[in-house]
Amino acid sequence: MTALRKYARLEASGIWRASAKAQRLDVIVSIGDAMLVISDSAGKPLAHWSLAAIAREGAGTPAIFFPDGDVGETLELPKDEPEMIEAIETLRTAVAKARPHPGRLRWIGAVVSVAVVVAVATLWVPGALVNHALRVLPEVNRTAIGDQLLARVTRVSGQACASPGAYRALRELAARTGVRQVVIVPEGVPQSLYLPGSVVLLNRSIVEDYEEPDVAAGYVLAEVVRHGGARTLRNVLETGGVRATAALLTTGDVPPHVLDGFVETQAFAPATPVAHAALLAAFEEARISSTPYAYAEDISGETTLPLIEADPMGGQSQVPIMRDADWLQLQAICDS
């Protein structure tokens, strides 16, 4: 936090490329709340990079940075912007120090406990290890794992859709549904997908095929109820087994092959049903009508009748999720 406050007002000029085939653009780079904000000359955000997942290509100048796991998207800072280069390196170092590392005192107890438990109760170990890891894992590590999974998912689903005009709508949708970030992808994900670090992916059809944002909000809420908290991360660890959990406890990271395996076997699988009572409670808390989502799931309404009859908002959200103009921008996000 001290490092973030130090660089809060720092800005620099750079060159950004959204993908390997995209046009290079002159941009303004600034430090946000645990994020690196990349904006155009008019101040409209083009991209937000988590400081927990920024990597650097080499050590020369110009300095070239990219989101960890996605070498196609790059940010180039010239040598005449030494303050911003130093700031990014300082914050990367600070994040790395904040992550658990082998040998640190707070992990010694966990490692010793694991060794003892393995010796006396082999059948009890896997579940106990996962539970322990989920209790002690810092949020910065959860976010980093989510970012790594996002990079792997978008290799299959296609690069996340992005449009400066849709940034406000995505932010409003995330705020209303209580998640950190909503990402729209062009294909691959059947409807929606929850990732650690409170990130929800939506297939472009969820915003393009419906006239109101309540449907998209409904799919986000369904993912939060279905996989929110630590459930997705638990699935990742259970996919990788004891070794993956032990690696997380000792290094703070999940082995890359475990993340690849999770994406291949579970990320694109059909969603499991959500209990109507839990989903209705989520809609009520968010002050969003459940009826549009119910008809999106089943146009006849037969299988989702409880979501229609017990709609806490009576069929219409009391407070609009976003302005009509912002919704239209979001519907066209993949056309940019």
C-alpha atoms as a PDB file:
ATOM      1  CA  MET A   1       0.000   0.000   0.000  1.00  0.00           C
ATOM      2  CA  THR A   2       2.887   2.390   0.729  1.00  0.00           C
ATOM      3  CA  ALA A   3       4.334   1.752  -2.721  1.00  0.00           C
ATOM      4  CA  LEU A   4       0.943   2.267  -4.354  1.00  0.00           C
ATOM      5  CA  ARG A   5       0.469   5.626  -2.618  1.00  0.00           C
ATOM      6  CA  LYS A   6       3.949   6.735  -3.668  1.00  0.00           C
ATOM      7  CA  TYR A   7       3.195   6.219  -7.348  1.00  0.00           C
ATOM      8  CA  ALA A   8      -0.528   7.101  -7.298  1.00  0.00           C
ATOM      9  CA  ARG A   9      -0.060  10.287  -9.377  1.00  0.00           C
ATOM     10  CA  LEU A  10       2.604   8.992 -11.742  1.00  0.00           C
ATOM     11  CA  GLU A  11       1.852   8.925 -15.483  1.00  0.00           C
ATOM     12  CA  ALA A  12       3.950   8.030 -18.514  1.00  0.00           C
ATOM     13  CA  SER A  13       3.698   7.674 -22.268  1.00  0.00           C
ATOM     14  CA  GLY A  14       4.065   4.282 -23.885  1.00  0.00           C
ATOM     15  CA  ILE A  15       3.095   2.069 -26.794  1.00  0.00           C
ATOM     16  CA  TRP A  16       0.426  -0.612 -26.254  1.00  0.00           C
ATOM     17  CA  ARG A  17      -0.565  -3.538 -28.421  1.00  0.00           C
ATOM     18  CA  ALA A  18      -3.740  -5.520 -27.591  1.00  0.00           C
ATOM     19  CA  SER A  19      -2.531  -8.675 -29.367  1.00  0.00           C
ATOM     20  CA  ALA A  20       0.282  -9.896 -31.584  1.00  0.00           C
ATOM     21  CA  LYS A  21      -1.655  -8.863 -34.707  1.00  0.00           C
ATOM     22  CA  ALA A  22      -3.130  -5.644 -33.322  1.00  0.00           C
ATOM     23  CA  GLN A  23      -2.008  -2.125 -34.244  1.00  0.00           C
ATOM     24  CA  ARG A  24       0.447  -0.436 -31.874  1.00  0.00           C
ATOM     25  CA  LEU A  25      -1.135   2.547 -30.121  1.00  0.00           C
ATOM     26  CA  ASP A  26       0.317   5.526 -28.259  1.00  0.00           C
ATOM     27  CA  VAL A  27      -1.100   5.386 -24.723  1.00  0.00           C
ATOM     28  CA  ILE A  28      -0.929   6.963 -21.278  1.00  0.00           C
ATOM     29  CA  VAL A  29       0.048   4.646 -18.427  1.00  0.00           C
ATOM     30  CA  SER A  30      -0.885   5.271 -14.794  1.00  0.00           C
ATOM     31  CA  ILE A  31      -0.980   3.377 -11.495  1.00  0.00           C
ATOM     32  CA  GLY A  32      -4.451   2.526 -10.159  1.00  0.00           C
ATOM     33  CA  ASP A  33      -5.745   0.524  -7.197  1.00  0.00           C
ATOM     34  CA  ALA A  34      -3.520  -2.583  -7.525  1.00  0.00           C
ATOM     35  CA  MET A  35      -3.849  -2.128 -11.278  1.00  0.00           C
ATOM     36  CA  LEU A  36      -1.811  -0.709 -14.151  1.00  0.00           C
ATOM     37  CA  VAL A  37      -4.220   1.453 -16.169  1.00  0.00           C
ATOM     38  CA  ILE A  38      -3.603   1.893 -19.907  1.00  0.00           C
ATOM     39  CA  SER A  39      -5.603   4.749 -21.507  1.00  0.00           C
ATOM     40  CA  ASP A  40      -5.778   6.493 -24.851  1.00  0.00           C
ATOM     41  CA  SER A  41      -4.909  10.161 -25.345  1.00  0.00           C
ATOM     42  CA  ALA A  42      -8.465  11.141 -24.407  1.00  0.00           C
ATOM     43  CA  GLY A  43      -8.179   9.382 -21.059  1.00  0.00           C
ATOM     44  CA  LYS A  44     -10.453   6.434 -21.929  1.00  0.00           C
ATOM     45  CA  PRO A  45      -9.192   3.179 -20.369  1.00  0.00           C
ATOM     46  CA  LEU A  46      -8.109   0.560 -22.887  1.00  0.00           C
ATOM     47  CA  ALA A  47      -6.842  -2.113 -20.515  1.00  0.00           C
ATOM     48  CA  HIS A  48      -6.334  -2.840 -16.827  1.00  0.00           C
ATOM     49  CA  TRP A  49      -3.446  -5.097 -15.788  1.00  0.00           C
ATOM     50  CA  SER A  50      -3.258  -6.608 -12.329  1.00  0.00           C
ATOM     51  CA  LEU A  51       0.036  -5.630 -10.693  1.00  0.00           C
ATOM     52  CA  ALA A  52       0.100  -9.159  -9.298  1.00  0.00           C
ATOM     53  CA  ALA A  53       0.433 -10.630 -12.801  1.00  0.00           C
ATOM     54  CA  ILE A  54       2.772  -8.407 -14.833  1.00  0.00           C
ATOM     55  CA  ALA A  55       5.882  -9.876 -16.413  1.00  0.00           C
ATOM     56  CA  ARG A  56       8.791  -8.203 -18.228  1.00  0.00           C
ATOM     57  CA  GLU A  57      10.517  -9.295 -21.397  1.00  0.00           C
ATOM     58  CA  GLY A  58      14.255  -9.145 -20.729  1.00  0.00           C
ATOM     59  CA  ALA A  59      15.910  -6.316 -18.844  1.00  0.00           C
ATOM     60  CA  GLY A  60      16.888  -3.887 -21.592  1.00  0.00           C
ATOM     61  CA  THR A  61      15.294  -0.733 -22.954  1.00  0.00           C
ATOM     62  CA  PRO A  62      12.773   0.010 -24.126  1.00  0.00           C
ATOM     63  CA  ALA A  63      11.135  -1.906 -21.278  1.00  0.00           C
ATOM     64  CA  ILE A  64       8.497  -4.330 -22.558  1.00  0.00           C
ATOM     65  CA  PHE A  65       5.856  -5.598 -20.124  1.00  0.00           C
ATOM     66  CA  PHE A  66       2.988  -8.041 -20.650  1.00  0.00           C
ATOM     67  CA  PRO A  67       0.287  -9.792 -18.590  1.00  0.00           C
ATOM     68  CA  ASP A  68       1.695 -13.026 -17.219  1.00  0.00           C
ATOM     69  CA  GLY A  69       0.649 -15.808 -19.590  1.00  0.00           C
ATOM     70  CA  ASP A  70      -0.235 -13.539 -22.543  1.00  0.00           C
ATOM     71  CA  VAL A  71       2.868 -12.459 -24.452  1.00  0.00           C
ATOM     72  CA  GLY A  72       0.732 -11.162 -27.325  1.00  0.00           C
ATOM     73  CA  GLU A  73      -0.479  -8.106 -25.403  1.00  0.00           C
ATOM     74  CA  THR A  74       2.447  -5.811 -24.646  1.00  0.00           C
ATOM     75  CA  LEU A  75       3.262  -2.397 -23.192  1.00  0.00           C
ATOM     76  CA  GLU A  76       6.476  -0.716 -24.299  1.00  0.00           C
ATOM     77  CA  LEU A  77       7.963   2.066 -22.177  1.00  0.00           C
ATOM     78  CA  PRO A  78      10.866   4.074 -23.649  1.00  0.00           C
ATOM     79  CA  LYS A  79      14.057   4.754 -21.721  1.00  0.00           C
ATOM     80  CA  ASP A  80      13.009   8.371 -21.197  1.00  0.00           C
ATOM     81  CA  GLU A  81      10.259   7.141 -18.819  1.00  0.00           C
ATOM     82  CA  PRO A  82      12.556   5.777 -16.089  1.00  0.00           C
ATOM     83  CA  GLU A  83      10.217   6.713 -13.230  1.00  0.00           C
ATOM     84  CA  MET A  84       7.334   4.588 -14.533  1.00  0.00           C
ATOM     85  CA  ILE A  85       9.663   1.685 -15.345  1.00  0.00           C
ATOM     86  CA  GLU A  86      11.092   1.897 -11.826  1.00  0.00           C
ATOM     87  CA  ALA A  87       7.562   2.136 -10.365  1.00  0.00           C
ATOM     88  CA  ILE A  88       6.363  -0.996 -12.155  1.00  0.00           C
ATOM     89  CA  GLU A  89       9.469  -2.925 -11.128  1.00  0.00           C
ATOM     90  CA  THR A  90       9.110  -1.712  -7.532  1.00  0.00           C
ATOM     91  CA  LEU A  91       5.451  -2.744  -7.363  1.00  0.00           C
ATOM     92  CA  ARG A  92       6.187  -6.115  -8.971  1.00  0.00           C
ATOM     93  CA  THR A  93       8.853  -6.685  -6.332  1.00  0.00           C
ATOM     94  CA  ALA A  94       6.479  -5.602  -3.563  1.00  0.00           C
ATOM     95  CA  VAL A  95       3.810  -8.029  -4.783  1.00  0.00           C
ATOM     96  CA  ALA A  96       6.361 -10.834  -5.022  1.00  0.00           C
ATOM     97  CA  LYS A  97       7.455 -10.155  -1.431  1.00  0.00           C
ATOM     98  CA  ALA A  98       3.820 -10.195  -0.306  1.00  0.00           C
ATOM     99  CA  ARG A  99       3.359 -13.692  -1.708  1.00  0.00           C
ATOM    100  CA  PRO A 100       4.205 -16.698   0.429  1.00  0.00           C
ATOM    101  CA  HIS A 101       7.727 -18.077  -0.219  1.00  0.00           C
ATOM    102  CA  PRO A 102       9.419 -21.271   0.867  1.00  0.00           C
ATOM    103  CA  GLY A 103      11.296 -20.793   4.123  1.00  0.00           C
ATOM    104  CA  ARG A 104       9.133 -18.008   5.533  1.00  0.00           C
ATOM    105  CA  LEU A 105       8.166 -18.573   9.123  1.00  0.00           C
ATOM    106  CA  ARG A 106       4.411 -18.467   8.531  1.00  0.00           C
ATOM    107  CA  TRP A 107       4.688 -21.440   6.144  1.00  0.00           C
ATOM    108  CA  ILE A 108       6.931 -23.610   8.321  1.00  0.00           C
ATOM    109  CA  GLY A 109       4.061 -24.682  10.527  1.00  0.00           C
ATOM    110  CA  ALA A 110       1.958 -25.593   7.483  1.00  0.00           C
ATOM    111  CA  VAL A 111       4.761 -27.700   5.965  1.00  0.00           C
ATOM    112  CA  VAL A 112       5.484 -29.516   9.235  1.00  0.00           C
ATOM    113  CA  SER A 113       1.770 -30.135   9.785  1.00  0.00           C
ATOM    114  CA  VAL A 114       1.461 -31.573   6.284  1.00  0.00           C
ATOM    115  CA  ALA A 115       4.371 -33.982   6.890  1.00  0.00           C
ATOM    116  CA  VAL A 116       2.864 -35.254  10.142  1.00  0.00           C
ATOM    117  CA  VAL A 117      -0.622 -35.683   8.712  1.00  0.00           C
ATOM    118  CA  VAL A 118       0.688 -37.564   5.665  1.00  0.00           C
ATOM    119  CA  ALA A 119       2.425 -40.029   7.957  1.00  0.00           C
ATOM    120  CA  VAL A 120      -0.617 -40.812  10.126  1.00  0.00           C
ATOM    121  CA  ALA A 121      -3.697 -40.416   7.918  1.00  0.00           C
ATOM    122  CA  THR A 122      -3.247 -40.895   4.204  1.00  0.00           C
ATOM    123  CA  LEU A 123      -6.969 -40.994   3.451  1.00  0.00           C
ATOM    124  CA  TRP A 124      -7.604 -37.773   5.363  1.00  0.00           C
ATOM    125  CA  VAL A 125      -4.802 -35.774   3.772  1.00  0.00           C
ATOM    126  CA  PRO A 126      -6.244 -34.548   0.443  1.00  0.00           C
ATOM    127  CA  GLY A 127      -9.330 -32.860   1.859  1.00  0.00           C
ATOM    128  CA  ALA A 128      -7.502 -31.519   4.900  1.00  0.00           C
ATOM    129  CA  LEU A 129      -4.713 -30.078   2.777  1.00  0.00           C
ATOM    130  CA  VAL A 130      -7.150 -28.323   0.472  1.00  0.00           C
ATOM    131  CA  ASN A 131      -9.107 -26.891   3.395  1.00  0.00           C
ATOM    132  CA  HIS A 132      -5.934 -25.618   5.026  1.00  0.00           C
ATOM    133  CA  ALA A 133      -4.677 -24.061   1.784  1.00  0.00           C
ATOM    134  CA  LEU A 134      -7.981 -22.276   1.213  1.00  0.00           C
ATOM    135  CA  ARG A 135      -7.902 -20.862   4.753  1.00  0.00           C
ATOM    136  CA  VAL A 136      -4.389 -19.409   4.610  1.00  0.00           C
ATOM    137  CA  LEU A 137      -4.016 -18.407   0.948  1.00  0.00           C
ATOM    138  CA  PRO A 138      -3.785 -14.574   0.622  1.00  0.00           C
ATOM    139  CA  GLU A 139      -6.130 -12.768  -1.773  1.00  0.00           C
ATOM    140  CA  VAL A 140      -3.201 -11.624  -3.931  1.00  0.00           C
ATOM    141  CA  ASN A 141      -2.444 -15.278  -4.714  1.00  0.00           C
ATOM    142  CA  ARG A 142      -6.078 -16.039  -5.536  1.00  0.00           C
ATOM    143  CA  THR A 143      -6.090 -13.090  -7.952  1.00  0.00           C
ATOM    144  CA  ALA A 144      -2.849 -14.233  -9.558  1.00  0.00           C
ATOM    145  CA  ILE A 145      -4.203 -17.774 -10.041  1.00  0.00           C
ATOM    146  CA  GLY A 146      -7.389 -16.333 -11.561  1.00  0.00           C
ATOM    147  CA  ASP A 147      -5.335 -14.203 -13.961  1.00  0.00           C
ATOM    148  CA  GLN A 148      -3.294 -17.262 -14.984  1.00  0.00           C
ATOM    149  CA  LEU A 149      -6.473 -19.257 -15.616  1.00  0.00           C
ATOM    150  CA  LEU A 150      -7.961 -16.355 -17.575  1.00  0.00           C
ATOM    151  CA  ALA A 151      -4.918 -16.297 -19.859  1.00  0.00           C
ATOM    152  CA  ARG A 152      -5.315 -20.026 -20.499  1.00  0.00           C
ATOM    153  CA  VAL A 153      -9.073 -19.862 -21.056  1.00  0.00           C
ATOM    154  CA  THR A 154      -8.760 -17.022 -23.579  1.00  0.00           C
ATOM    155  CA  ARG A 155      -6.350 -19.106 -25.639  1.00  0.00           C
ATOM    156  CA  VAL A 156      -9.377 -21.297 -26.385  1.00  0.00           C
ATOM    157  CA  SER A 157     -12.225 -18.792 -26.157  1.00  0.00           C
ATOM    158  CA  GLY A 158     -10.381 -16.056 -28.033  1.00  0.00           C
ATOM    159  CA  GLN A 159      -8.996 -12.788 -26.685  1.00  0.00           C
ATOM    160  CA  ALA A 160     -11.371 -11.054 -24.298  1.00  0.00           C
ATOM    161  CA  CYS A 161     -13.543  -8.478 -26.040  1.00  0.00           C
ATOM    162  CA  ALA A 162     -12.545  -4.902 -25.244  1.00  0.00           C
ATOM    163  CA  SER A 163     -13.922  -1.501 -26.113  1.00  0.00           C
ATOM    164  CA  PRO A 164     -13.235   1.832 -24.396  1.00  0.00           C
ATOM    165  CA  GLY A 165     -16.928   2.675 -24.599  1.00  0.00           C
ATOM    166  CA  ALA A 166     -17.932  -0.507 -22.779  1.00  0.00           C
ATOM    167  CA  TYR A 167     -15.592  -0.089 -19.812  1.00  0.00           C
ATOM    168  CA  ARG A 168     -18.170   1.816 -17.742  1.00  0.00           C
ATOM    169  CA  ALA A 169     -20.813  -0.853 -18.389  1.00  0.00           C
ATOM    170  CA  LEU A 170     -18.496  -3.697 -17.333  1.00  0.00           C
ATOM    171  CA  ARG A 171     -17.557  -1.817 -14.190  1.00  0.00           C
ATOM    172  CA  GLU A 172     -21.210  -1.149 -13.320  1.00  0.00           C
ATOM    173  CA  LEU A 173     -22.183  -4.774 -13.970  1.00  0.00           C
ATOM    174  CA  ALA A 174     -19.356  -6.014 -11.725  1.00  0.00           C
ATOM    175  CA  ALA A 175     -20.196  -3.540  -8.956  1.00  0.00           C
ATOM    176  CA  ARG A 176     -23.894  -4.404  -8.979  1.00  0.00           C
ATOM    177  CA  THR A 177     -23.261  -8.152  -8.793  1.00  0.00           C
ATOM    178  CA  GLY A 178     -20.440  -7.940  -6.255  1.00  0.00           C
ATOM    179  CA  VAL A 179     -17.564  -9.362  -8.308  1.00  0.00           C
ATOM    180  CA  ARG A 180     -14.155  -7.838  -9.012  1.00  0.00           C
ATOM    181  CA  GLN A 181     -14.330  -8.079 -12.795  1.00  0.00           C
ATOM    182  CA  VAL A 182     -16.629  -9.190 -15.621  1.00  0.00           C
ATOM    183  CA  VAL A 183     -14.984 -10.304 -18.870  1.00  0.00           C
ATOM    184  CA  ILE A 184     -16.761 -10.884 -22.194  1.00  0.00           C
ATOM    185  CA  VAL A 185     -15.269 -13.598 -24.436  1.00  0.00           C
ATOM    186  CA  PRO A 186     -16.199 -14.318 -28.069  1.00  0.00           C
ATOM    187  CA  GLU A 187     -16.608 -18.110 -27.836  1.00  0.00           C
ATOM    188  CA  GLY A 188     -15.621 -21.277 -25.987  1.00  0.00           C
ATOM    189  CA  VAL A 189     -17.333 -20.589 -22.665  1.00  0.00           C
ATOM    190  CA  PRO A 190     -20.866 -22.066 -22.978  1.00  0.00           C
ATOM    191  CA  GLN A 191     -22.507 -19.236 -21.028  1.00  0.00           C
ATOM    192  CA  SER A 192     -20.485 -18.168 -17.999  1.00  0.00           C
ATOM    193  CA  LEU A 193     -17.451 -19.154 -15.953  1.00  0.00           C
ATOM    194  CA  TYR A 194     -16.203 -18.141 -12.491  1.00  0.00           C
ATOM    195  CA  LEU A 195     -12.453 -17.801 -11.848  1.00  0.00           C
ATOM    196  CA  PRO A 196     -10.575 -17.334  -8.548  1.00  0.00           C
ATOM    197  CA  GLY A 197     -10.087 -13.706  -7.629  1.00  0.00           C
ATOM    198  CA  SER A 198     -13.795 -12.960  -8.242  1.00  0.00           C
ATOM    199  CA  VAL A 199     -13.709 -12.792 -12.050  1.00  0.00           C
ATOM    200  CA  VAL A 200     -16.697 -13.944 -14.132  1.00  0.00           C
ATOM    201  CA  LEU A 201     -16.490 -14.647 -17.857  1.00  0.00           C
ATOM    202  CA  LEU A 202     -19.588 -14.275 -20.022  1.00  0.00           C
ATOM    203  CA  ASN A 203     -20.076 -15.546 -23.557  1.00  0.00           C
ATOM    204  CA  ARG A 204     -20.775 -12.650 -25.937  1.00  0.00           C
ATOM    205  CA  SER A 205     -24.248 -14.081 -26.615  1.00  0.00           C
ATOM    206  CA  ILE A 206     -25.280 -13.224 -23.053  1.00  0.00           C
ATOM    207  CA  VAL A 207     -24.986  -9.502 -23.832  1.00  0.00           C
ATOM    208  CA  GLU A 208     -25.820  -9.587 -27.544  1.00  0.00           C
ATOM    209  CA  ASP A 209     -28.967 -11.731 -27.584  1.00  0.00           C
ATOM    210  CA  TYR A 210     -31.016 -10.007 -24.876  1.00  0.00           C
ATOM    211  CA  GLU A 211     -32.572  -6.572 -24.647  1.00  0.00           C
ATOM    212  CA  GLU A 212     -31.762  -5.873 -20.993  1.00  0.00           C
ATOM    213  CA  PRO A 213     -28.686  -6.176 -18.763  1.00  0.00           C
ATOM    214  CA  ASP A 214     -30.667  -8.063 -16.107  1.00  0.00           C
ATOM    215  CA  VAL A 215     -29.964 -11.321 -17.977  1.00  0.00           C
ATOM    216  CA  ALA A 216     -26.186 -10.783 -17.938  1.00  0.00           C
ATOM    217  CA  ALA A 217     -26.373  -9.820 -14.265  1.00  0.00           C
ATOM    218  CA  GLY A 218     -28.346 -12.993 -13.600  1.00  0.00           C
ATOM    219  CA  TYR A 219     -25.652 -15.188 -15.125  1.00  0.00           C
ATOM    220  CA  VAL A 220     -22.992 -13.437 -13.043  1.00  0.00           C
ATOM    221  CA  LEU A 221     -25.022 -13.972  -9.859  1.00  0.00           C
ATOM    222  CA  ALA A 222     -25.574 -17.626 -10.769  1.00  0.00           C
ATOM    223  CA  GLU A 223     -21.799 -18.118 -11.086  1.00  0.00           C
ATOM    224  CA  VAL A 224     -21.214 -16.430  -7.736  1.00  0.00           C
ATOM    225  CA  VAL A 225     -23.745 -18.736  -6.066  1.00  0.00           C
ATOM    226  CA  ARG A 226     -22.472 -21.810  -7.918  1.00  0.00           C
ATOM    227  CA  HIS A 227     -18.704 -21.301  -7.682  1.00  0.00           C
ATOM    228  CA  GLY A 228     -18.150 -18.179  -5.557  1.00  0.00           C
ATOM    229  CA  GLY A 229     -15.754 -17.920  -2.666  1.00  0.00           C
ATOM    230  CA  ALA A 230     -13.212 -20.726  -2.798  1.00  0.00           C
ATOM    231  CA  ARG A 231     -15.199 -23.357  -4.707  1.00  0.00           C
ATOM    232  CA  THR A 232     -13.471 -22.899  -8.073  1.00  0.00           C
ATOM    233  CA  LEU A 233     -10.038 -22.856  -6.459  1.00  0.00           C
ATOM    234  CA  ARG A 234     -11.013 -25.991  -4.532  1.00  0.00           C
ATOM    235  CA  ASN A 235     -11.873 -27.668  -7.852  1.00  0.00           C
ATOM    236  CA  VAL A 236      -8.479 -26.633  -9.242  1.00  0.00           C
ATOM    237  CA  LEU A 237      -6.648 -28.154  -6.263  1.00  0.00           C
ATOM    238  CA  GLU A 238      -8.725 -31.324  -6.293  1.00  0.00           C
ATOM    239  CA  THR A 239      -7.934 -31.689 -10.006  1.00  0.00           C
ATOM    240  CA  GLY A 240      -4.200 -31.444  -9.273  1.00  0.00           C
ATOM    241  CA  GLY A 241      -4.214 -33.691  -6.204  1.00  0.00           C
ATOM    242  CA  VAL A 242      -2.002 -33.589  -3.124  1.00  0.00           C
ATOM    243  CA  ARG A 243       1.116 -32.437  -4.979  1.00  0.00           C
ATOM    244  CA  ALA A 244      -0.637 -29.369  -6.376  1.00  0.00           C
ATOM    245  CA  THR A 245      -1.940 -28.385  -2.947  1.00  0.00           C
ATOM    246  CA  ALA A 246       1.460 -28.926  -1.338  1.00  0.00           C
ATOM    247  CA  ALA A 247       3.051 -26.785  -4.052  1.00  0.00           C
ATOM    248  CA  LEU A 248       0.525 -24.020  -3.338  1.00  0.00           C
ATOM    249  CA  LEU A 249       1.279 -24.154   0.387  1.00  0.00           C
ATOM    250  CA  THR A 250       5.043 -23.977  -0.073  1.00  0.00           C
ATOM    251  CA  THR A 251       5.353 -21.596  -3.051  1.00  0.00           C
ATOM    252  CA  GLY A 252       2.051 -19.741  -3.253  1.00  0.00           C
ATOM    253  CA  ASP A 253       1.565 -20.945  -6.851  1.00  0.00           C
ATOM    254  CA  VAL A 254      -0.322 -23.759  -8.576  1.00  0.00           C
ATOM    255  CA  PRO A 255       1.818 -25.771 -11.038  1.00  0.00           C
ATOM    256  CA  PRO A 256       1.130 -24.729 -14.669  1.00  0.00           C
ATOM    257  CA  HIS A 257       0.193 -28.262 -15.752  1.00  0.00           C
ATOM    258  CA  VAL A 258      -2.530 -28.358 -13.074  1.00  0.00           C
ATOM    259  CA  LEU A 259      -4.033 -25.104 -14.373  1.00  0.00           C
ATOM    260  CA  ASP A 260      -3.867 -26.492 -17.919  1.00  0.00           C
ATOM    261  CA  GLY A 261      -5.590 -29.677 -16.780  1.00  0.00           C
ATOM    262  CA  PHE A 262      -8.373 -27.761 -15.050  1.00  0.00           C
ATOM    263  CA  VAL A 263      -9.036 -25.661 -18.157  1.00  0.00           C
ATOM    264  CA  GLU A 264      -9.057 -28.753 -20.394  1.00  0.00           C
ATOM    265  CA  THR A 265     -11.376 -30.843 -18.200  1.00  0.00           C
ATOM    266  CA  GLN A 266     -13.659 -28.456 -16.324  1.00  0.00           C
ATOM    267  CA  ALA A 267     -13.558 -24.847 -17.506  1.00  0.00           C
ATOM    268  CA  PHE A 268     -15.745 -25.452 -20.553  1.00  0.00           C
ATOM    269  CA  ALA A 269     -18.028 -28.082 -19.060  1.00  0.00           C
ATOM    270  CA  PRO A 270     -21.795 -27.360 -18.876  1.00  0.00           C
ATOM    271  CA  ALA A 271     -22.787 -25.472 -15.735  1.00  0.00           C
ATOM    272  CA  THR A 272     -24.312 -27.402 -12.850  1.00  0.00           C
ATOM    273  CA  PRO A 273     -27.789 -26.351 -11.631  1.00  0.00           C
ATOM    274  CA  VAL A 274     -28.099 -23.752  -8.883  1.00  0.00           C
ATOM    275  CA  ALA A 275     -30.578 -24.036  -6.033  1.00  0.00           C
ATOM    276  CA  HIS A 276     -33.423 -21.608  -6.706  1.00  0.00           C
ATOM    277  CA  ALA A 277     -33.629 -20.480  -3.072  1.00  0.00           C
ATOM    278  CA  ALA A 278     -29.951 -19.477  -2.961  1.00  0.00           C
ATOM    279  CA  LEU A 279     -30.208 -17.763  -6.332  1.00  0.00           C
ATOM    280  CA  LEU A 280     -33.316 -15.804  -5.314  1.00  0.00           C
ATOM    281  CA  ALA A 281     -31.486 -14.588  -2.206  1.00  0.00           C
ATOM    282  CA  ALA A 282     -28.645 -13.339  -4.415  1.00  0.00           C
ATOM    283  CA  PHE A 283     -31.071 -11.514  -6.717  1.00  0.00           C
ATOM    284  CA  GLU A 284     -32.769  -9.902  -3.718  1.00  0.00           C
ATOM    285  CA  GLU A 285     -29.478  -8.729  -2.239  1.00  0.00           C
ATOM    286  CA  ALA A 286     -28.416  -7.230  -5.594  1.00  0.00           C
ATOM    287  CA  ARG A 287     -31.910  -5.692  -6.118  1.00  0.00           C
ATOM    288  CA  ILE A 288     -32.150  -7.328  -9.544  1.00  0.00           C
ATOM    289  CA  SER A 289     -35.197  -9.028 -11.077  1.00  0.00           C
ATOM    290  CA  SER A 290     -34.804 -12.787 -11.506  1.00  0.00           C
ATOM    291  CA  THR A 291     -37.491 -13.093 -14.202  1.00  0.00           C
ATOM    292  CA  PRO A 292     -35.366 -12.088 -17.243  1.00  0.00           C
ATOM    293  CA  TYR A 293     -32.681 -14.608 -16.258  1.00  0.00           C
ATOM    294  CA  ALA A 294     -35.330 -17.292 -15.691  1.00  0.00           C
ATOM    295  CA  TYR A 295     -36.702 -16.903 -19.226  1.00  0.00           C
ATOM    296  CA  ALA A 296     -33.185 -16.794 -20.665  1.00  0.00           C
ATOM    297  CA  GLU A 297     -32.509 -20.171 -19.035  1.00  0.00           C
ATOM    298  CA  ASP A 298     -35.848 -21.621 -20.169  1.00  0.00           C
ATOM    299  CA  ILE A 299     -37.933 -19.644 -22.643  1.00  0.00           C
ATOM    300  CA  SER A 300     -41.054 -21.537 -21.551  1.00  0.00           C
ATOM    301  CA  GLY A 301     -40.408 -20.749 -17.894  1.00  0.00           C
ATOM    302  CA  GLU A 302     -41.406 -24.270 -16.854  1.00  0.00           C
ATOM    303  CA  THR A 303     -38.134 -25.337 -15.239  1.00  0.00           C
ATOM    304  CA  THR A 304     -37.432 -21.894 -13.778  1.00  0.00           C
ATOM    305  CA  LEU A 305     -40.939 -21.131 -12.541  1.00  0.00           C
ATOM    306  CA  PRO A 306     -39.812 -20.527  -8.910  1.00  0.00           C
ATOM    307  CA  LEU A 307     -37.513 -17.726 -10.146  1.00  0.00           C
ATOM    308  CA  ILE A 308     -40.500 -16.109 -11.866  1.00  0.00           C
ATOM    309  CA  GLU A 309     -43.157 -16.586  -9.215  1.00  0.00           C
ATOM    310  CA  ALA A 310     -40.881 -15.608  -6.307  1.00  0.00           C
ATOM    311  CA  ASP A 311     -39.071 -12.791  -8.127  1.00  0.00           C
ATOM    312  CA  PRO A 312     -38.006 -10.481  -5.257  1.00  0.00           C
ATOM    313  CA  MET A 313     -38.318  -7.427  -7.520  1.00  0.00           C
ATOM    314  CA  GLY A 314     -41.712  -8.339  -8.933  1.00  0.00           C
ATOM    315  CA  GLY A 315     -40.464  -8.684 -12.502  1.00  0.00           C
ATOM    316  CA  GLN A 316     -38.498  -5.445 -12.802  1.00  0.00           C
ATOM    317  CA  SER A 317     -35.259  -4.297 -11.163  1.00  0.00           C
ATOM    318  CA  GLN A 318     -35.951  -1.402  -8.811  1.00  0.00           C
ATOM    319  CA  VAL A 319     -32.752   0.404  -9.747  1.00  0.00           C
ATOM    320  CA  PRO A 320     -31.442   0.131 -13.357  1.00  0.00           C
ATOM    321  CA  ILE A 321     -28.155  -1.756 -13.558  1.00  0.00           C
ATOM    322  CA  MET A 322     -26.765   0.745 -16.060  1.00  0.00           C
ATOM    323  CA  ARG A 323     -27.846   3.445 -18.483  1.00  0.00           C
ATOM    324  CA  ASP A 324     -29.326   2.393 -21.828  1.00  0.00           C
ATOM    325  CA  ALA A 325     -26.399   4.020 -23.642  1.00  0.00           C
ATOM    326  CA  ASP A 326     -23.898   1.990 -21.593  1.00  0.00           C
ATOM    327  CA  TRP A 327     -25.843  -1.222 -22.272  1.00  0.00           C
ATOM    328  CA  LEU A 328     -25.733  -0.555 -26.024  1.00  0.00           C
ATOM    329  CA  GLN A 329     -21.954  -0.046 -25.776  1.00  0.00           C
ATOM    330  CA  LEU A 330     -21.628  -3.356 -23.917  1.00  0.00           C
ATOM    331  CA  GLN A 331     -23.709  -5.200 -26.500  1.00  0.00           C
ATOM    332  CA  ALA A 332     -21.265  -4.090 -29.190  1.00  0.00           C
ATOM    333  CA  ILE A 333     -18.089  -4.813 -27.213  1.00  0.00           C
ATOM    334  CA  CYS A 334     -17.033  -7.750 -29.402  1.00  0.00           C
ATOM    335  CA  ASP A 335     -17.596  -5.776 -32.615  1.00  0.00           C
ATOM    336  CA  SER A 336     -14.784  -3.328 -31.863  1.00  0.00           C
END
